[in-house]
Amino acid sequence: MIDYSPFWVTLEKSAENWYTLTAKHHLSHSTLHRLKHNKDISTKTLNDLCRILDCRVEDIIVYIPSKNDQIL
C-alpha cells in the first residue's frame, strides 16, 4: 500500500499549505483529498509536489506492505 503520511509532514515543514497548493499552484481539491485518503495519484502530480515542496519522492510517499496488495 502506498501511504502519503510523509507528504503531510513535509507540507507542515514547508512554507506551503492546503490553500497555497490549490490557489497558487493550481492543485485540485480532489488531488489533495486523494492524498489525504491514500488514493492513487499520478506520477505527474508526484513530480509537481516534489518541485513545489523542493523535496524527494520519499518525502511524499512510503510503501507499506499490506495483505490487501494485489497478488502478482
C-alpha atoms as a PDB file:
ATOM      1  CA  MET A   1       0.000   0.000   0.000  1.00  0.00           C
ATOM      2  CA  ILE A   2       1.236   3.475  -0.815  1.00  0.00           C
ATOM      3  CA  ASP A   3       0.896   5.802   2.155  1.00  0.00           C
ATOM      4  CA  TYR A   4       1.090   9.588   1.867  1.00  0.00           C
ATOM      5  CA  SER A   5       1.669  10.385   5.541  1.00  0.00           C
ATOM      6  CA  PRO A   6       5.196  11.708   4.759  1.00  0.00           C
ATOM      7  CA  PHE A   7       3.552  14.298   2.488  1.00  0.00           C
ATOM      8  CA  TRP A   8       1.672  15.876   5.387  1.00  0.00           C
ATOM      9  CA  VAL A   9       4.841  16.081   7.491  1.00  0.00           C
ATOM     10  CA  THR A  10       6.737  17.635   4.571  1.00  0.00           C
ATOM     11  CA  LEU A  11       3.895  20.075   3.901  1.00  0.00           C
ATOM     12  CA  GLU A  12       3.824  21.110   7.569  1.00  0.00           C
ATOM     13  CA  LYS A  13       7.567  21.876   7.464  1.00  0.00           C
ATOM     14  CA  SER A  14       7.257  23.916   4.255  1.00  0.00           C
ATOM     15  CA  ALA A  15       6.014  27.436   3.608  1.00  0.00           C
ATOM     16  CA  GLU A  16       3.073  25.939   1.701  1.00  0.00           C
ATOM     17  CA  ASN A  17      -0.346  24.800   2.911  1.00  0.00           C
ATOM     18  CA  TRP A  18      -3.604  23.409   1.503  1.00  0.00           C
ATOM     19  CA  TYR A  19      -4.673  26.876   0.386  1.00  0.00           C
ATOM     20  CA  THR A  20      -1.438  27.771  -1.434  1.00  0.00           C
ATOM     21  CA  LEU A  21      -1.308  24.363  -3.113  1.00  0.00           C
ATOM     22  CA  THR A  22      -4.760  24.981  -4.597  1.00  0.00           C
ATOM     23  CA  ALA A  23      -4.734  28.749  -5.148  1.00  0.00           C
ATOM     24  CA  LYS A  24      -1.107  29.450  -6.060  1.00  0.00           C
ATOM     25  CA  HIS A  25      -0.001  26.121  -7.539  1.00  0.00           C
ATOM     26  CA  HIS A  26      -3.360  25.078  -9.018  1.00  0.00           C
ATOM     27  CA  LEU A  27      -3.567  21.611  -7.487  1.00  0.00           C
ATOM     28  CA  SER A  28      -7.156  20.467  -7.296  1.00  0.00           C
ATOM     29  CA  HIS A  29      -9.041  19.875  -4.067  1.00  0.00           C
ATOM     30  CA  SER A  30      -9.668  16.400  -5.443  1.00  0.00           C
ATOM     31  CA  THR A  31      -5.932  15.695  -5.618  1.00  0.00           C
ATOM     32  CA  LEU A  32      -5.436  16.768  -2.008  1.00  0.00           C
ATOM     33  CA  HIS A  33      -8.438  14.678  -0.991  1.00  0.00           C
ATOM     34  CA  ARG A  34      -6.875  11.681  -2.745  1.00  0.00           C
ATOM     35  CA  LEU A  35      -3.624  12.257  -0.851  1.00  0.00           C
ATOM     36  CA  LYS A  36      -5.495  12.542   2.438  1.00  0.00           C
ATOM     37  CA  HIS A  37      -7.233   9.206   1.828  1.00  0.00           C
ATOM     38  CA  ASN A  38      -4.244   7.331   0.328  1.00  0.00           C
ATOM     39  CA  LYS A  39      -5.839   7.033  -3.101  1.00  0.00           C
ATOM     40  CA  ASP A  40      -3.886   6.823  -6.363  1.00  0.00           C
ATOM     41  CA  ILE A  41      -2.293   9.955  -7.805  1.00  0.00           C
ATOM     42  CA  SER A  42      -0.284  10.344 -10.982  1.00  0.00           C
ATOM     43  CA  THR A  43       3.475  10.490 -11.262  1.00  0.00           C
ATOM     44  CA  LYS A  44       2.988  13.951 -12.783  1.00  0.00           C
ATOM     45  CA  THR A  45       1.361  15.027  -9.516  1.00  0.00           C
ATOM     46  CA  LEU A  46       4.242  13.500  -7.559  1.00  0.00           C
ATOM     47  CA  ASN A  47       6.663  15.431  -9.751  1.00  0.00           C
ATOM     48  CA  ASP A  48       4.718  18.659  -9.223  1.00  0.00           C
ATOM     49  CA  LEU A  49       4.647  18.167  -5.445  1.00  0.00           C
ATOM     50  CA  CYS A  50       8.388  17.476  -5.335  1.00  0.00           C
ATOM     51  CA  ARG A  51       9.033  20.641  -7.323  1.00  0.00           C
ATOM     52  CA  ILE A  52       6.668  22.788  -5.236  1.00  0.00           C
ATOM     53  CA  LEU A  53       7.935  21.473  -1.897  1.00  0.00           C
ATOM     54  CA  ASP A  54      11.556  21.134  -3.058  1.00  0.00           C
ATOM     55  CA  CYS A  55      11.727  17.573  -1.779  1.00  0.00           C
ATOM     56  CA  ARG A  56      12.287  13.983  -2.842  1.00  0.00           C
ATOM     57  CA  VAL A  57       9.616  11.389  -3.609  1.00  0.00           C
ATOM     58  CA  GLU A  58      10.469   9.694  -0.292  1.00  0.00           C
ATOM     59  CA  ASP A  59       9.304  12.878   1.435  1.00  0.00           C
ATOM     60  CA  ILE A  60       5.831  12.358  -0.043  1.00  0.00           C
ATOM     61  CA  ILE A  61       5.186   8.615  -0.215  1.00  0.00           C
ATOM     62  CA  VAL A  62       6.155   5.420   1.526  1.00  0.00           C
ATOM     63  CA  TYR A  63       5.355   1.831   0.617  1.00  0.00           C
ATOM     64  CA  ILE A  64       3.879  -0.274   3.412  1.00  0.00           C
ATOM     65  CA  PRO A  65       3.336  -3.983   2.662  1.00  0.00           C
ATOM     66  CA  SER A  66      -0.277  -4.957   3.111  1.00  0.00           C
ATOM     67  CA  LYS A  67      -2.332  -8.117   2.883  1.00  0.00           C
ATOM     68  CA  ASN A  68      -4.642  -6.099   0.609  1.00  0.00           C
ATOM     69  CA  ASP A  69      -1.921  -5.633  -2.013  1.00  0.00           C
ATOM     70  CA  GLN A  70      -2.654  -7.080  -5.415  1.00  0.00           C
ATOM     71  CA  ILE A  71      -1.493 -10.672  -5.874  1.00  0.00           C
ATOM     72  CA  LEU A  72       1.203 -10.862  -8.555  1.00  0.00           C
END
